[in-house]
Amino acid sequence: MAKVVNVLVVALIAAIVMAGGRWYMYVTNSDTPYDEVGIALNRVMPAPVAAWGCAKLHVTFGKTLPPVGCAAPDGGWLG
């Protein structure tokens, strides 16, 4: 039983690291702010982390429309 728990914990940690790494690549190295996977990952991040991601995207893509999750009610960038 302990071995099964260990395997599940390692799998969970690996999934978190992979999703977090993919999200970080989206907000720091993306060619477009409209990457569907990146947007979905940013939307499930905790609020302070998602806000940081939106700020990084705004610095890079400030002249474009913000992606879903980074848009203010008036249609501009959050922040």
C-alpha atoms as a PDB file:
ATOM      1  CA  MET A   1       0.000   0.000   0.000  1.00  0.00           C
ATOM      2  CA  ALA A   2       2.817   2.408   0.841  1.00  0.00           C
ATOM      3  CA  LYS A   3       4.378   1.783  -2.561  1.00  0.00           C
ATOM      4  CA  VAL A   4       1.118   2.752  -4.303  1.00  0.00           C
ATOM      5  CA  VAL A   5       0.922   5.961  -2.283  1.00  0.00           C
ATOM      6  CA  ASN A   6       4.533   6.781  -3.153  1.00  0.00           C
ATOM      7  CA  VAL A   7       3.863   6.250  -6.856  1.00  0.00           C
ATOM      8  CA  LEU A   8       0.752   8.446  -6.714  1.00  0.00           C
ATOM      9  CA  VAL A   9       2.608  11.215  -4.880  1.00  0.00           C
ATOM     10  CA  VAL A  10       5.447  11.137  -7.403  1.00  0.00           C
ATOM     11  CA  ALA A  11       2.944  11.194 -10.294  1.00  0.00           C
ATOM     12  CA  LEU A  12       1.108  14.147  -8.749  1.00  0.00           C
ATOM     13  CA  ILE A  13       4.334  16.090  -8.222  1.00  0.00           C
ATOM     14  CA  ALA A  14       5.429  15.336 -11.792  1.00  0.00           C
ATOM     15  CA  ALA A  15       2.092  16.560 -13.156  1.00  0.00           C
ATOM     16  CA  ILE A  16       2.335  19.771 -11.138  1.00  0.00           C
ATOM     17  CA  VAL A  17       5.899  20.408 -12.301  1.00  0.00           C
ATOM     18  CA  MET A  18       4.986  19.753 -15.943  1.00  0.00           C
ATOM     19  CA  ALA A  19       1.890  21.990 -15.842  1.00  0.00           C
ATOM     20  CA  GLY A  20       3.761  24.716 -13.954  1.00  0.00           C
ATOM     21  CA  GLY A  21       6.645  24.582 -16.391  1.00  0.00           C
ATOM     22  CA  ARG A  22       4.297  24.782 -19.367  1.00  0.00           C
ATOM     23  CA  TRP A  23       2.517  27.759 -17.797  1.00  0.00           C
ATOM     24  CA  TYR A  24       5.831  29.512 -17.067  1.00  0.00           C
ATOM     25  CA  MET A  25       6.951  28.995 -20.670  1.00  0.00           C
ATOM     26  CA  TYR A  26       3.641  30.504 -21.834  1.00  0.00           C
ATOM     27  CA  VAL A  27       3.916  33.697 -19.778  1.00  0.00           C
ATOM     28  CA  THR A  28       7.642  34.265 -20.367  1.00  0.00           C
ATOM     29  CA  ASN A  29       8.536  32.816 -23.792  1.00  0.00           C
ATOM     30  CA  SER A  30       5.368  32.661 -25.868  1.00  0.00           C
ATOM     31  CA  ASP A  31       5.096  33.973 -29.411  1.00  0.00           C
ATOM     32  CA  THR A  32       1.414  34.772 -28.892  1.00  0.00           C
ATOM     33  CA  PRO A  33      -0.759  35.546 -25.874  1.00  0.00           C
ATOM     34  CA  TYR A  34      -3.566  33.445 -27.368  1.00  0.00           C
ATOM     35  CA  ASP A  35      -2.122  29.967 -26.764  1.00  0.00           C
ATOM     36  CA  GLU A  36      -5.121  27.882 -25.645  1.00  0.00           C
ATOM     37  CA  VAL A  37      -3.203  25.642 -23.253  1.00  0.00           C
ATOM     38  CA  GLY A  38      -1.406  28.601 -21.690  1.00  0.00           C
ATOM     39  CA  ILE A  39      -4.661  30.495 -21.222  1.00  0.00           C
ATOM     40  CA  ALA A  40      -6.293  27.477 -19.596  1.00  0.00           C
ATOM     41  CA  LEU A  41      -3.354  26.978 -17.246  1.00  0.00           C
ATOM     42  CA  ASN A  42      -3.273  30.675 -16.333  1.00  0.00           C
ATOM     43  CA  ARG A  43      -6.980  30.607 -15.494  1.00  0.00           C
ATOM     44  CA  VAL A  44      -6.548  27.782 -12.956  1.00  0.00           C
ATOM     45  CA  MET A  45      -3.541  29.329 -11.232  1.00  0.00           C
ATOM     46  CA  PRO A  46      -4.048  31.006  -7.847  1.00  0.00           C
ATOM     47  CA  ALA A  47      -5.009  34.684  -8.209  1.00  0.00           C
ATOM     48  CA  PRO A  48      -1.580  36.186  -7.353  1.00  0.00           C
ATOM     49  CA  VAL A  49       0.208  33.788  -9.719  1.00  0.00           C
ATOM     50  CA  ALA A  50      -2.282  34.436 -12.532  1.00  0.00           C
ATOM     51  CA  ALA A  51      -1.952  38.203 -11.992  1.00  0.00           C
ATOM     52  CA  TRP A  52       1.836  37.900 -12.266  1.00  0.00           C
ATOM     53  CA  GLY A  53       1.405  35.897 -15.465  1.00  0.00           C
ATOM     54  CA  CYS A  54      -0.937  38.515 -16.909  1.00  0.00           C
ATOM     55  CA  ALA A  55       1.546  41.253 -16.011  1.00  0.00           C
ATOM     56  CA  LYS A  56       4.355  39.374 -17.807  1.00  0.00           C
ATOM     57  CA  LEU A  57       2.121  38.891 -20.859  1.00  0.00           C
ATOM     58  CA  HIS A  58       1.159  42.579 -20.779  1.00  0.00           C
ATOM     59  CA  VAL A  59       4.819  43.621 -20.871  1.00  0.00           C
ATOM     60  CA  THR A  60       5.414  41.399 -23.894  1.00  0.00           C
ATOM     61  CA  PHE A  61       2.119  41.863 -25.763  1.00  0.00           C
ATOM     62  CA  GLY A  62       0.843  45.204 -24.440  1.00  0.00           C
ATOM     63  CA  LYS A  63      -0.298  46.474 -27.834  1.00  0.00           C
ATOM     64  CA  THR A  64      -2.616  43.501 -28.488  1.00  0.00           C
ATOM     65  CA  LEU A  65      -5.931  42.535 -26.955  1.00  0.00           C
ATOM     66  CA  PRO A  66      -5.472  40.587 -23.714  1.00  0.00           C
ATOM     67  CA  PRO A  67      -6.207  36.859 -23.605  1.00  0.00           C
ATOM     68  CA  VAL A  68      -9.141  35.478 -21.642  1.00  0.00           C
ATOM     69  CA  GLY A  69      -8.421  35.808 -17.944  1.00  0.00           C
ATOM     70  CA  CYS A  70      -6.206  38.872 -18.350  1.00  0.00           C
ATOM     71  CA  ALA A  71      -8.890  41.225 -19.635  1.00  0.00           C
ATOM     72  CA  ALA A  72     -10.400  43.965 -17.509  1.00  0.00           C
ATOM     73  CA  PRO A  73     -14.163  44.619 -17.761  1.00  0.00           C
ATOM     74  CA  ASP A  74     -13.488  47.452 -20.249  1.00  0.00           C
ATOM     75  CA  GLY A  75     -11.586  45.077 -22.548  1.00  0.00           C
ATOM     76  CA  GLY A  76      -8.100  46.336 -21.672  1.00  0.00           C
ATOM     77  CA  TRP A  77      -5.398  44.567 -19.725  1.00  0.00           C
ATOM     78  CA  LEU A  78      -5.849  43.936 -16.008  1.00  0.00           C
ATOM     79  CA  GLY A  79      -3.783  46.041 -13.686  1.00  0.00           C
END
